[in-house]
N, C-alpha and C. Protein backbone atom coordinates (compact mmCIF):
# COMPACT_ATOMS: atom_id res chain seq x y z
N MET A 1 -30.77 45.38 -7.47
CA MET A 1 -30.28 46.20 -8.58
C MET A 1 -29.14 45.64 -9.31
N GLU A 2 -29.39 45.39 -10.54
CA GLU A 2 -28.25 44.65 -11.30
C GLU A 2 -27.40 45.81 -12.11
N ASN A 3 -26.02 45.47 -12.12
CA ASN A 3 -25.21 46.53 -12.78
C ASN A 3 -25.34 48.00 -12.46
N PRO A 4 -25.14 48.33 -11.20
CA PRO A 4 -25.30 49.72 -10.81
C PRO A 4 -24.50 50.58 -11.49
N GLY A 5 -23.19 50.36 -11.73
CA GLY A 5 -22.45 51.33 -12.61
C GLY A 5 -22.99 51.44 -13.90
N LEU A 6 -23.29 50.46 -14.54
CA LEU A 6 -24.00 50.65 -15.92
C LEU A 6 -25.30 51.52 -16.04
N TYR A 7 -25.94 51.23 -14.86
CA TYR A 7 -27.20 52.06 -14.79
C TYR A 7 -26.94 53.49 -14.61
N LEU A 8 -26.01 53.86 -13.81
CA LEU A 8 -25.60 55.27 -13.52
C LEU A 8 -24.92 55.86 -14.96
N LEU A 9 -24.25 54.95 -15.57
CA LEU A 9 -23.59 55.56 -16.87
C LEU A 9 -24.77 55.84 -17.83
N ALA A 10 -25.93 54.97 -17.91
CA ALA A 10 -26.97 55.16 -18.84
C ALA A 10 -27.58 56.46 -18.29
N LEU A 11 -27.95 56.60 -17.25
CA LEU A 11 -28.54 57.92 -16.69
C LEU A 11 -27.76 59.00 -17.00
N ALA A 12 -26.54 59.08 -16.87
CA ALA A 12 -25.68 60.13 -17.02
C ALA A 12 -25.68 60.66 -18.62
N MET A 13 -25.72 59.56 -19.50
CA MET A 13 -25.66 59.81 -20.86
C MET A 13 -27.12 60.40 -21.22
N ILE A 14 -28.14 60.03 -20.62
CA ILE A 14 -29.40 60.55 -20.96
C ILE A 14 -29.53 62.01 -20.49
N PHE A 15 -28.97 62.29 -19.30
CA PHE A 15 -29.23 63.61 -18.77
C PHE A 15 -28.27 64.73 -19.32
N LEU A 16 -27.19 64.02 -20.07
CA LEU A 16 -26.26 64.99 -20.80
C LEU A 16 -26.83 65.45 -22.00
N MET A 17 -27.84 64.59 -22.49
CA MET A 17 -28.36 65.09 -23.90
C MET A 17 -29.24 66.28 -23.90
N PRO A 18 -29.03 67.26 -24.75
CA PRO A 18 -29.91 68.47 -24.74
C PRO A 18 -31.29 68.08 -25.04
N GLY A 19 -32.25 68.75 -24.18
CA GLY A 19 -33.69 68.65 -24.29
C GLY A 19 -34.27 69.79 -23.68
N PRO A 20 -35.56 69.62 -23.55
CA PRO A 20 -36.58 70.74 -23.23
C PRO A 20 -36.21 71.14 -21.69
N ASP A 21 -35.90 69.96 -20.89
CA ASP A 21 -35.61 70.20 -19.54
C ASP A 21 -34.33 71.17 -19.39
N MET A 22 -33.32 70.77 -20.15
CA MET A 22 -32.03 71.48 -20.04
C MET A 22 -32.08 72.94 -20.37
N ILE A 23 -32.92 73.06 -21.49
CA ILE A 23 -33.03 74.42 -22.03
C ILE A 23 -33.94 75.39 -21.15
N LEU A 24 -34.84 74.70 -20.52
CA LEU A 24 -35.66 75.50 -19.64
C LEU A 24 -34.91 75.90 -18.39
N LEU A 25 -33.91 74.97 -17.93
CA LEU A 25 -33.22 75.35 -16.69
C LEU A 25 -32.29 76.49 -17.09
N LEU A 26 -31.57 76.43 -18.17
CA LEU A 26 -30.67 77.47 -18.52
C LEU A 26 -31.37 78.77 -18.74
N HIS A 27 -32.58 78.78 -19.35
CA HIS A 27 -33.33 79.95 -19.47
C HIS A 27 -33.73 80.43 -18.18
N ILE A 28 -34.37 79.80 -17.35
CA ILE A 28 -34.87 80.21 -15.99
C ILE A 28 -33.61 80.93 -15.21
N GLY A 29 -32.49 80.11 -15.32
CA GLY A 29 -31.43 80.45 -14.55
C GLY A 29 -30.81 81.89 -15.09
N ALA A 30 -30.87 81.97 -16.39
CA ALA A 30 -30.28 83.22 -17.07
C ALA A 30 -31.27 84.33 -16.74
N GLY A 31 -32.57 84.01 -16.71
CA GLY A 31 -33.51 85.19 -16.66
C GLY A 31 -33.95 85.50 -15.31
N GLN A 32 -34.04 84.63 -14.43
CA GLN A 32 -34.72 84.79 -13.20
C GLN A 32 -33.83 84.41 -11.96
N GLY A 33 -32.74 83.87 -12.22
CA GLY A 33 -31.69 83.69 -11.18
C GLY A 33 -31.51 82.26 -10.66
N ARG A 34 -30.82 82.17 -9.70
CA ARG A 34 -30.32 80.78 -9.15
C ARG A 34 -31.60 80.08 -8.35
N ARG A 35 -32.20 80.87 -7.50
CA ARG A 35 -33.38 80.37 -6.70
C ARG A 35 -34.49 79.82 -7.56
N ALA A 36 -34.81 80.50 -8.66
CA ALA A 36 -35.94 80.20 -9.61
C ALA A 36 -35.57 78.88 -10.30
N ALA A 37 -34.30 78.83 -10.77
CA ALA A 37 -33.66 77.75 -11.55
C ALA A 37 -33.65 76.56 -10.69
N LEU A 38 -33.22 76.63 -9.53
CA LEU A 38 -33.18 75.36 -8.63
C LEU A 38 -34.56 74.92 -8.26
N ALA A 39 -35.53 75.83 -8.15
CA ALA A 39 -36.92 75.57 -7.98
C ALA A 39 -37.43 74.71 -9.30
N THR A 40 -37.05 75.12 -10.27
CA THR A 40 -37.48 74.45 -11.64
C THR A 40 -36.86 73.09 -11.61
N ALA A 41 -35.57 72.94 -11.21
CA ALA A 41 -34.99 71.50 -10.96
C ALA A 41 -35.77 70.66 -10.02
N LEU A 42 -36.41 71.34 -8.86
CA LEU A 42 -37.11 70.49 -7.98
C LEU A 42 -38.45 70.15 -8.68
N GLY A 43 -39.02 71.01 -9.38
CA GLY A 43 -40.21 70.60 -10.26
C GLY A 43 -39.93 69.43 -11.17
N LEU A 44 -38.88 69.43 -11.78
CA LEU A 44 -38.59 68.38 -12.78
C LEU A 44 -38.28 67.07 -11.86
N ALA A 45 -37.70 67.12 -10.61
CA ALA A 45 -37.52 65.83 -9.92
C ALA A 45 -38.95 65.40 -9.54
N ILE A 46 -39.82 66.22 -9.22
CA ILE A 46 -41.17 65.85 -8.72
C ILE A 46 -41.95 65.05 -9.85
N ALA A 47 -41.70 65.79 -11.07
CA ALA A 47 -42.23 65.02 -12.33
C ALA A 47 -41.74 63.68 -12.53
N ARG A 48 -40.42 63.55 -12.37
CA ARG A 48 -39.64 62.15 -12.67
C ARG A 48 -40.15 61.22 -11.65
N GLY A 49 -40.37 61.66 -10.39
CA GLY A 49 -40.94 60.67 -9.45
C GLY A 49 -42.30 60.18 -9.83
N CYS A 50 -43.09 61.07 -10.37
CA CYS A 50 -44.52 60.66 -10.82
C CYS A 50 -44.28 59.75 -12.00
N HIS A 51 -43.30 59.99 -12.90
CA HIS A 51 -43.15 58.99 -13.97
C HIS A 51 -42.77 57.70 -13.51
N VAL A 52 -41.90 57.67 -12.63
CA VAL A 52 -41.53 56.44 -12.16
C VAL A 52 -42.84 55.62 -11.51
N ALA A 53 -43.36 56.28 -10.85
CA ALA A 53 -44.61 55.67 -10.08
C ALA A 53 -45.58 55.24 -11.22
N LEU A 54 -45.86 56.12 -12.26
CA LEU A 54 -46.79 55.82 -13.35
C LEU A 54 -46.26 54.46 -14.10
N ALA A 55 -44.97 54.42 -14.25
CA ALA A 55 -44.41 53.42 -15.08
C ALA A 55 -44.59 52.14 -14.19
N ALA A 56 -44.43 52.26 -13.03
CA ALA A 56 -44.73 50.96 -12.21
C ALA A 56 -46.01 50.47 -12.21
N LEU A 57 -47.04 51.45 -12.29
CA LEU A 57 -48.30 50.97 -12.38
C LEU A 57 -48.88 50.52 -13.78
N GLY A 58 -48.00 50.67 -14.64
CA GLY A 58 -48.26 50.27 -15.98
C GLY A 58 -48.79 51.19 -17.09
N LEU A 59 -48.63 52.56 -16.79
CA LEU A 59 -49.33 53.33 -17.75
C LEU A 59 -48.82 53.33 -19.23
N ALA A 60 -47.42 52.88 -19.29
CA ALA A 60 -46.85 52.81 -20.56
C ALA A 60 -47.62 51.58 -21.22
N THR A 61 -48.07 50.70 -20.61
CA THR A 61 -48.92 49.52 -21.28
C THR A 61 -50.18 50.09 -21.75
N LEU A 62 -50.81 51.01 -20.89
CA LEU A 62 -52.10 51.59 -21.35
C LEU A 62 -51.78 52.47 -22.71
N PHE A 63 -50.82 53.22 -22.84
CA PHE A 63 -50.44 53.77 -24.04
C PHE A 63 -50.50 52.76 -25.07
N LYS A 64 -49.97 51.68 -25.03
CA LYS A 64 -49.88 50.56 -26.02
C LYS A 64 -51.23 50.01 -26.40
N VAL A 65 -52.02 49.86 -25.37
CA VAL A 65 -53.32 49.16 -25.62
C VAL A 65 -54.34 50.31 -26.14
N THR A 66 -54.20 51.52 -25.58
CA THR A 66 -55.05 52.73 -26.16
C THR A 66 -54.19 53.79 -26.66
N PRO A 67 -53.80 53.83 -27.85
CA PRO A 67 -52.90 54.77 -28.47
C PRO A 67 -53.38 56.38 -28.26
N TRP A 68 -54.73 56.36 -28.20
CA TRP A 68 -55.27 57.73 -28.05
C TRP A 68 -54.69 58.45 -26.82
N THR A 69 -54.61 57.63 -25.74
CA THR A 69 -54.11 58.35 -24.59
C THR A 69 -52.64 58.79 -24.75
N PHE A 70 -51.86 58.09 -25.48
CA PHE A 70 -50.49 58.51 -25.68
C PHE A 70 -50.55 59.90 -26.52
N ASP A 71 -51.49 59.80 -27.53
CA ASP A 71 -51.57 61.08 -28.32
C ASP A 71 -52.00 62.28 -27.46
N VAL A 72 -52.93 62.09 -26.52
CA VAL A 72 -53.34 63.22 -25.65
C VAL A 72 -52.19 63.84 -25.10
N VAL A 73 -51.52 63.00 -24.35
CA VAL A 73 -50.26 63.44 -23.60
C VAL A 73 -49.19 64.04 -24.58
N ARG A 74 -48.94 63.49 -25.63
CA ARG A 74 -48.15 64.00 -26.67
C ARG A 74 -48.54 65.42 -27.00
N ILE A 75 -49.66 65.60 -27.52
CA ILE A 75 -50.16 66.88 -27.97
C ILE A 75 -50.20 67.89 -27.02
N ALA A 76 -50.69 67.50 -25.71
CA ALA A 76 -50.63 68.42 -24.49
C ALA A 76 -49.05 68.89 -24.33
N GLY A 77 -48.26 67.95 -24.40
CA GLY A 77 -46.90 68.29 -24.10
C GLY A 77 -46.26 69.15 -25.22
N SER A 78 -46.50 68.88 -26.22
CA SER A 78 -46.11 69.77 -27.54
C SER A 78 -46.67 71.07 -27.42
N GLY A 79 -47.97 71.15 -27.17
CA GLY A 79 -48.64 72.52 -27.05
C GLY A 79 -47.89 73.38 -25.95
N TYR A 80 -47.62 72.71 -24.73
CA TYR A 80 -47.04 73.43 -23.62
C TYR A 80 -45.68 73.98 -24.03
N LEU A 81 -44.87 73.18 -24.61
CA LEU A 81 -43.46 73.56 -25.13
C LEU A 81 -43.70 74.64 -26.16
N LEU A 82 -44.65 74.52 -27.03
CA LEU A 82 -44.77 75.50 -28.08
C LEU A 82 -45.17 76.75 -27.43
N TRP A 83 -45.93 76.90 -26.41
CA TRP A 83 -46.44 78.07 -25.72
C TRP A 83 -45.31 78.57 -24.96
N MET A 84 -44.49 77.98 -24.34
CA MET A 84 -43.20 78.47 -23.58
C MET A 84 -42.48 79.14 -24.57
N GLY A 85 -42.02 78.51 -25.80
CA GLY A 85 -41.23 78.97 -26.85
C GLY A 85 -41.67 80.38 -27.27
N ALA A 86 -43.08 80.36 -27.55
CA ALA A 86 -43.61 81.53 -28.02
C ALA A 86 -43.45 82.78 -26.94
N GLN A 87 -43.59 82.39 -25.71
CA GLN A 87 -43.53 83.34 -24.56
C GLN A 87 -42.13 83.98 -24.67
N LEU A 88 -41.04 83.25 -25.03
CA LEU A 88 -39.88 83.72 -25.06
C LEU A 88 -39.62 84.68 -26.38
N PHE A 89 -40.26 84.40 -27.36
CA PHE A 89 -40.10 85.30 -28.48
C PHE A 89 -40.89 86.62 -28.15
N LYS A 90 -41.99 86.47 -27.49
CA LYS A 90 -42.75 87.65 -26.96
C LYS A 90 -42.02 88.57 -25.93
N ALA A 91 -41.37 87.76 -25.13
CA ALA A 91 -40.54 88.70 -24.00
C ALA A 91 -39.38 89.37 -24.65
N ASP A 92 -38.97 89.04 -25.85
CA ASP A 92 -37.77 89.62 -26.51
C ASP A 92 -38.01 91.11 -26.58
N ALA A 93 -39.30 91.51 -26.92
CA ALA A 93 -39.49 92.89 -27.16
C ALA A 93 -39.73 93.67 -25.82
N LEU A 94 -39.72 92.93 -24.70
CA LEU A 94 -39.97 93.64 -23.51
C LEU A 94 -38.79 93.97 -22.61
N VAL A 95 -37.47 93.60 -23.22
CA VAL A 95 -36.34 93.74 -22.52
C VAL A 95 -35.87 95.10 -22.68
N SER A 96 -35.76 95.79 -21.44
CA SER A 96 -35.53 97.18 -21.48
C SER A 96 -34.30 97.52 -20.74
N SER A 97 -33.93 96.67 -19.86
CA SER A 97 -32.72 96.90 -19.08
C SER A 97 -32.23 95.53 -18.50
N PRO A 98 -31.02 95.42 -18.08
CA PRO A 98 -30.34 94.23 -17.61
C PRO A 98 -31.16 93.78 -16.47
N GLY A 99 -31.50 92.48 -16.44
CA GLY A 99 -32.27 91.77 -15.48
C GLY A 99 -33.80 92.03 -15.60
N ALA A 100 -34.29 92.59 -16.73
CA ALA A 100 -35.64 92.90 -16.84
C ALA A 100 -36.46 91.62 -16.90
N GLY A 101 -37.64 91.52 -16.47
CA GLY A 101 -38.48 90.42 -16.55
C GLY A 101 -38.42 89.47 -15.40
N ARG A 102 -37.57 89.88 -14.36
CA ARG A 102 -37.50 89.04 -13.10
C ARG A 102 -38.78 89.13 -12.49
N LEU A 103 -39.41 88.22 -11.83
CA LEU A 103 -40.65 88.06 -11.09
C LEU A 103 -40.32 88.33 -9.66
N PRO A 104 -41.24 88.59 -8.79
CA PRO A 104 -41.11 88.66 -7.30
C PRO A 104 -40.75 87.20 -7.12
N GLN A 105 -39.89 87.04 -5.83
CA GLN A 105 -39.35 85.85 -5.70
C GLN A 105 -40.54 84.70 -5.33
N THR A 106 -41.54 85.05 -4.52
CA THR A 106 -42.51 84.02 -4.33
C THR A 106 -43.18 83.51 -5.44
N ALA A 107 -43.66 84.48 -6.33
CA ALA A 107 -44.30 84.16 -7.61
C ALA A 107 -43.40 83.38 -8.58
N SER A 108 -42.13 83.77 -8.52
CA SER A 108 -41.07 83.31 -9.31
C SER A 108 -40.90 81.83 -9.00
N LEU A 109 -40.60 81.58 -7.72
CA LEU A 109 -40.38 80.10 -7.22
C LEU A 109 -41.56 79.12 -7.46
N ARG A 110 -42.81 79.67 -7.22
CA ARG A 110 -44.02 78.89 -7.41
C ARG A 110 -44.23 78.52 -8.85
N THR A 111 -44.10 79.49 -9.85
CA THR A 111 -44.14 79.35 -11.26
C THR A 111 -42.98 78.43 -11.85
N ALA A 112 -41.81 78.57 -11.25
CA ALA A 112 -40.78 77.77 -11.78
C ALA A 112 -41.00 76.37 -11.42
N ILE A 113 -41.44 76.16 -10.18
CA ILE A 113 -41.75 74.67 -9.84
C ILE A 113 -42.84 74.19 -10.72
N GLN A 114 -43.92 74.88 -10.89
CA GLN A 114 -45.10 74.42 -11.83
C GLN A 114 -44.43 74.24 -13.28
N ARG A 115 -43.58 75.12 -13.81
CA ARG A 115 -43.17 74.78 -15.10
C ARG A 115 -42.11 73.52 -15.12
N GLY A 116 -41.34 73.31 -14.03
CA GLY A 116 -40.61 72.20 -14.14
C GLY A 116 -41.54 70.88 -14.13
N VAL A 117 -42.59 70.86 -13.34
CA VAL A 117 -43.38 69.74 -13.26
C VAL A 117 -44.03 69.37 -14.71
N LEU A 118 -44.71 70.57 -15.28
CA LEU A 118 -45.45 70.30 -16.35
C LEU A 118 -44.50 69.95 -17.63
N THR A 119 -43.46 70.65 -17.67
CA THR A 119 -42.51 70.36 -18.82
C THR A 119 -42.22 68.86 -18.86
N ASN A 120 -41.86 68.22 -17.64
CA ASN A 120 -41.48 66.88 -17.74
C ASN A 120 -42.62 66.01 -17.66
N LEU A 121 -43.71 66.16 -16.93
CA LEU A 121 -44.87 65.36 -16.86
C LEU A 121 -45.64 65.21 -18.12
N LEU A 122 -45.66 66.35 -18.97
CA LEU A 122 -46.39 66.13 -20.21
C LEU A 122 -45.60 65.67 -21.31
N ASN A 123 -44.35 65.14 -21.01
CA ASN A 123 -43.58 64.53 -22.11
C ASN A 123 -43.57 63.05 -21.83
N PRO A 124 -44.40 62.29 -22.85
CA PRO A 124 -44.61 60.81 -22.81
C PRO A 124 -43.32 60.13 -23.14
N LYS A 125 -42.27 60.84 -23.57
CA LYS A 125 -41.02 60.22 -23.90
C LYS A 125 -40.41 59.85 -22.39
N ALA A 126 -40.56 60.76 -21.43
CA ALA A 126 -40.01 60.44 -20.04
C ALA A 126 -40.62 59.34 -19.49
N LEU A 127 -41.82 59.17 -19.56
CA LEU A 127 -42.53 57.95 -19.02
C LEU A 127 -42.00 56.71 -19.73
N LEU A 128 -42.00 56.78 -21.13
CA LEU A 128 -41.54 55.54 -21.78
C LEU A 128 -40.22 55.16 -21.49
N PHE A 129 -39.30 56.24 -21.19
CA PHE A 129 -37.90 56.11 -20.86
C PHE A 129 -37.94 55.27 -19.58
N CYS A 130 -38.70 55.68 -18.58
CA CYS A 130 -38.69 55.04 -17.32
C CYS A 130 -39.10 53.54 -17.37
N SER A 131 -40.14 53.28 -18.28
CA SER A 131 -40.74 51.99 -18.47
C SER A 131 -39.87 51.04 -19.09
N VAL A 132 -38.84 51.59 -20.05
CA VAL A 132 -38.16 50.66 -20.77
C VAL A 132 -36.77 50.42 -19.99
N LEU A 133 -36.30 51.51 -19.58
CA LEU A 133 -34.80 51.43 -18.80
C LEU A 133 -34.87 50.74 -17.57
N LEU A 134 -35.75 51.04 -16.59
CA LEU A 134 -35.78 50.57 -15.19
C LEU A 134 -35.81 48.96 -15.24
N PRO A 135 -36.73 48.34 -16.00
CA PRO A 135 -36.94 46.89 -15.81
C PRO A 135 -35.71 46.13 -16.28
N GLN A 136 -34.92 46.65 -17.10
CA GLN A 136 -33.67 46.13 -17.63
C GLN A 136 -32.55 45.88 -16.40
N PHE A 137 -32.63 46.59 -15.41
CA PHE A 137 -31.86 46.65 -14.24
C PHE A 137 -32.42 46.01 -12.97
N ILE A 138 -33.53 45.20 -13.12
CA ILE A 138 -34.09 44.51 -12.10
C ILE A 138 -33.79 42.92 -12.26
N ASN A 139 -33.46 42.35 -11.07
CA ASN A 139 -32.96 41.11 -10.95
C ASN A 139 -34.34 40.30 -10.34
N PRO A 140 -34.98 39.47 -11.14
CA PRO A 140 -36.24 38.85 -10.57
C PRO A 140 -35.92 37.90 -9.42
N GLN A 141 -34.67 37.22 -9.44
CA GLN A 141 -34.26 36.42 -8.55
C GLN A 141 -33.76 36.98 -7.07
N ALA A 142 -33.67 38.33 -7.12
CA ALA A 142 -33.25 39.00 -5.96
C ALA A 142 -34.20 39.53 -5.11
N ALA A 143 -34.11 40.71 -4.49
CA ALA A 143 -35.25 41.25 -3.72
C ALA A 143 -36.50 41.34 -4.46
N SER A 144 -37.52 41.98 -3.72
CA SER A 144 -38.75 42.04 -4.20
C SER A 144 -38.69 43.14 -5.45
N VAL A 145 -39.25 42.77 -6.56
CA VAL A 145 -39.22 43.70 -7.72
C VAL A 145 -39.76 45.09 -7.50
N THR A 146 -40.81 45.15 -6.60
CA THR A 146 -41.31 46.47 -6.24
C THR A 146 -40.19 47.32 -5.67
N THR A 147 -39.47 46.61 -4.59
CA THR A 147 -38.33 47.43 -3.92
C THR A 147 -37.32 47.71 -4.89
N GLN A 148 -36.90 46.89 -5.80
CA GLN A 148 -35.82 47.27 -6.70
C GLN A 148 -36.39 48.34 -7.72
N PHE A 149 -37.57 48.41 -8.10
CA PHE A 149 -38.09 49.33 -8.87
C PHE A 149 -37.91 50.69 -8.19
N ALA A 150 -38.51 50.74 -6.98
CA ALA A 150 -38.47 52.00 -6.01
C ALA A 150 -36.86 52.52 -5.96
N MET A 151 -36.20 51.50 -5.68
CA MET A 151 -34.71 51.99 -5.64
C MET A 151 -34.14 52.66 -6.87
N LEU A 152 -34.49 51.95 -7.82
CA LEU A 152 -33.98 52.48 -9.27
C LEU A 152 -34.57 53.83 -9.59
N GLY A 153 -35.88 53.99 -9.08
CA GLY A 153 -36.44 55.31 -9.31
C GLY A 153 -35.93 56.36 -8.46
N VAL A 154 -35.60 56.03 -7.12
CA VAL A 154 -34.92 57.12 -6.34
C VAL A 154 -33.57 57.51 -6.87
N VAL A 155 -32.88 56.46 -7.32
CA VAL A 155 -31.57 56.80 -7.99
C VAL A 155 -31.68 57.83 -9.22
N LEU A 156 -32.74 57.32 -10.03
CA LEU A 156 -33.00 58.24 -11.32
C LEU A 156 -33.39 59.66 -10.89
N VAL A 157 -34.22 59.78 -9.89
CA VAL A 157 -34.60 61.14 -9.41
C VAL A 157 -33.31 61.96 -8.99
N ALA A 158 -32.68 61.19 -8.14
CA ALA A 158 -31.44 61.78 -7.49
C ALA A 158 -30.51 62.29 -8.55
N VAL A 159 -30.13 61.37 -9.49
CA VAL A 159 -29.16 61.75 -10.31
C VAL A 159 -29.68 62.71 -11.32
N GLY A 160 -30.84 62.81 -11.75
CA GLY A 160 -31.43 63.99 -12.51
C GLY A 160 -31.55 65.18 -11.79
N LEU A 161 -31.67 65.23 -10.43
CA LEU A 161 -31.61 66.46 -9.66
C LEU A 161 -30.08 67.06 -9.73
N VAL A 162 -29.22 66.10 -9.59
CA VAL A 162 -27.72 66.63 -9.62
C VAL A 162 -27.46 67.32 -10.92
N PHE A 163 -27.92 66.69 -11.95
CA PHE A 163 -27.56 67.17 -13.28
C PHE A 163 -28.42 68.50 -13.60
N ASP A 164 -29.66 68.36 -13.07
CA ASP A 164 -30.58 69.71 -13.38
C ASP A 164 -29.94 70.85 -12.43
N SER A 165 -29.39 70.58 -11.27
CA SER A 165 -28.84 71.66 -10.51
C SER A 165 -27.68 72.37 -11.06
N SER A 166 -26.94 71.48 -11.74
CA SER A 166 -25.79 71.89 -12.49
C SER A 166 -26.21 72.65 -13.59
N TYR A 167 -27.21 72.43 -14.38
CA TYR A 167 -27.61 73.31 -15.43
C TYR A 167 -28.27 74.70 -15.01
N ALA A 168 -28.84 74.49 -13.82
CA ALA A 168 -29.57 75.65 -13.35
C ALA A 168 -28.42 76.71 -12.91
N LEU A 169 -27.39 76.18 -12.24
CA LEU A 169 -26.19 77.14 -11.84
C LEU A 169 -25.43 77.72 -13.15
N ALA A 170 -25.32 76.79 -14.10
CA ALA A 170 -24.90 77.21 -15.34
C ALA A 170 -25.68 78.42 -15.95
N GLY A 171 -26.93 78.22 -15.85
CA GLY A 171 -27.93 79.36 -16.43
C GLY A 171 -27.65 80.53 -15.80
N THR A 172 -27.52 80.51 -14.36
CA THR A 172 -27.27 81.66 -13.57
C THR A 172 -25.93 82.36 -13.87
N TRP A 173 -25.03 81.65 -14.30
CA TRP A 173 -23.71 82.20 -14.72
C TRP A 173 -23.99 83.03 -16.14
N ILE A 174 -24.71 82.24 -16.93
CA ILE A 174 -25.06 82.89 -18.27
C ILE A 174 -25.70 84.25 -18.06
N GLY A 175 -26.61 84.02 -17.20
CA GLY A 175 -27.52 85.33 -16.84
C GLY A 175 -26.54 86.56 -16.43
N ARG A 176 -25.50 86.32 -15.64
CA ARG A 176 -24.71 87.35 -15.30
C ARG A 176 -23.89 87.79 -16.50
N TRP A 177 -23.54 87.00 -17.35
CA TRP A 177 -22.91 87.50 -18.60
C TRP A 177 -23.65 88.24 -19.50
N LEU A 178 -24.99 87.83 -19.56
CA LEU A 178 -25.94 88.45 -20.42
C LEU A 178 -26.42 89.78 -20.03
N GLU A 179 -26.25 89.96 -18.64
CA GLU A 179 -26.64 91.41 -18.12
C GLU A 179 -25.70 92.60 -18.75
N ARG A 180 -24.64 92.22 -19.29
CA ARG A 180 -23.78 93.08 -19.85
C ARG A 180 -24.39 93.72 -21.35
N SER A 181 -25.30 92.91 -21.85
CA SER A 181 -25.59 93.24 -23.25
C SER A 181 -27.06 92.94 -23.47
N GLN A 182 -27.91 93.98 -23.87
CA GLN A 182 -29.24 93.66 -24.28
C GLN A 182 -29.42 92.81 -25.44
N THR A 183 -28.45 93.16 -26.34
CA THR A 183 -28.38 92.26 -27.66
C THR A 183 -28.27 90.73 -27.44
N ALA A 184 -27.28 90.44 -26.38
CA ALA A 184 -27.02 89.11 -25.94
C ALA A 184 -28.18 88.51 -25.37
N GLN A 185 -29.06 89.39 -24.65
CA GLN A 185 -30.25 88.90 -24.05
C GLN A 185 -31.29 88.47 -25.12
N ARG A 186 -31.41 89.26 -26.00
CA ARG A 186 -32.27 88.88 -27.33
C ARG A 186 -31.91 87.76 -27.98
N ILE A 187 -30.53 87.53 -28.26
CA ILE A 187 -30.06 86.44 -28.88
C ILE A 187 -30.45 85.08 -27.93
N GLN A 188 -30.27 85.22 -26.64
CA GLN A 188 -30.46 83.98 -25.86
C GLN A 188 -32.01 83.70 -25.91
N ARG A 189 -32.82 84.67 -25.78
CA ARG A 189 -34.28 84.37 -25.83
C ARG A 189 -34.79 83.78 -27.11
N TRP A 190 -34.23 84.26 -28.33
CA TRP A 190 -34.61 83.73 -29.54
C TRP A 190 -33.96 82.36 -29.64
N LEU A 191 -32.71 82.12 -29.21
CA LEU A 191 -32.11 80.75 -29.28
C LEU A 191 -33.02 79.74 -28.47
N PHE A 192 -33.25 80.14 -27.27
CA PHE A 192 -33.93 79.13 -26.27
C PHE A 192 -35.36 78.95 -26.77
N GLY A 193 -35.95 80.13 -27.24
CA GLY A 193 -37.34 79.92 -27.77
C GLY A 193 -37.41 78.97 -28.94
N GLY A 194 -36.52 79.18 -29.92
CA GLY A 194 -36.33 78.35 -31.09
C GLY A 194 -36.29 76.95 -30.79
N LEU A 195 -35.39 76.60 -29.79
CA LEU A 195 -35.06 75.23 -29.41
C LEU A 195 -36.31 74.58 -28.84
N LEU A 196 -37.09 75.35 -28.00
CA LEU A 196 -38.28 74.85 -27.26
C LEU A 196 -39.36 74.44 -28.44
N ILE A 197 -39.52 75.50 -29.40
CA ILE A 197 -40.30 75.21 -30.48
C ILE A 197 -39.84 73.95 -31.31
N GLY A 198 -38.72 73.86 -31.51
CA GLY A 198 -38.08 72.61 -32.23
C GLY A 198 -38.46 71.35 -31.49
N PHE A 199 -38.34 71.40 -30.15
CA PHE A 199 -38.66 70.17 -29.28
C PHE A 199 -40.07 70.05 -29.37
N ALA A 200 -40.95 71.05 -29.44
CA ALA A 200 -42.29 70.92 -29.54
C ALA A 200 -42.79 70.28 -30.62
N THR A 201 -42.23 70.70 -31.84
CA THR A 201 -42.51 70.15 -33.15
C THR A 201 -42.20 68.66 -33.22
N ARG A 202 -41.01 68.22 -32.73
CA ARG A 202 -40.48 66.93 -32.66
C ARG A 202 -41.39 66.02 -31.89
N LEU A 203 -41.81 66.61 -30.69
CA LEU A 203 -42.75 65.81 -29.90
C LEU A 203 -44.16 65.61 -30.53
N ALA A 204 -44.54 66.63 -31.44
CA ALA A 204 -45.90 66.56 -31.89
C ALA A 204 -45.94 65.47 -32.94
N PHE A 205 -44.83 65.19 -33.64
CA PHE A 205 -44.86 64.18 -34.69
C PHE A 205 -44.19 62.81 -34.16
N MET A 206 -43.99 62.66 -32.88
CA MET A 206 -43.44 61.41 -32.25
C MET A 206 -44.24 60.27 -32.40
N GLN A 207 -43.84 59.24 -32.72
CA GLN A 207 -44.79 58.05 -32.85
C GLN A 207 -44.33 56.87 -31.70
N GLN A 208 -45.17 56.10 -31.23
CA GLN A 208 -44.75 55.10 -30.31
C GLN A 208 -43.88 54.08 -30.94
N ALA A 209 -42.95 53.50 -30.22
CA ALA A 209 -42.14 52.41 -30.78
C ALA A 209 -42.93 51.21 -31.06
């Protein structure tokens, strides 16, 4: 691995940028608690591991050769984010008491992991990010390229999980504060819902570089 410090800095800058993953973690933490939010972070980590594997297999090249495959993933991801945003707007009218809308723990954790996986896995930008970033830190003269790629991928997933866990815990803190006011809960749902729809719109019109 070349320039490990620079690689970690690049990852930190990426994970600090607001995006659908961050918004999802904050919302789950605020609405369903720490366990569900950390389960969502686990789902995101699983999806990132899949992206690293797909990048190693050259799926980004497939996107270039057959652009319609990129469009399929892009539209599916945009539709999923749009659906989640719409669900938040719909849930706004269902708030009747602090902590309302919490699911049973088992169902909540399973659903949270699935949402984490789908939110990241259906985002072609995440795959392209892995395909563009990781090769820049591989030294062809050093160890096996496959081994280096795997090491970079493990670091990417681990760093992402650290940041995501922090956002999950921050969302839990926000949830405790929101329990004091139903008005604040409504504002939170509308804000996060609007942001998810905004990310969905941006993804829908995204073009390959």
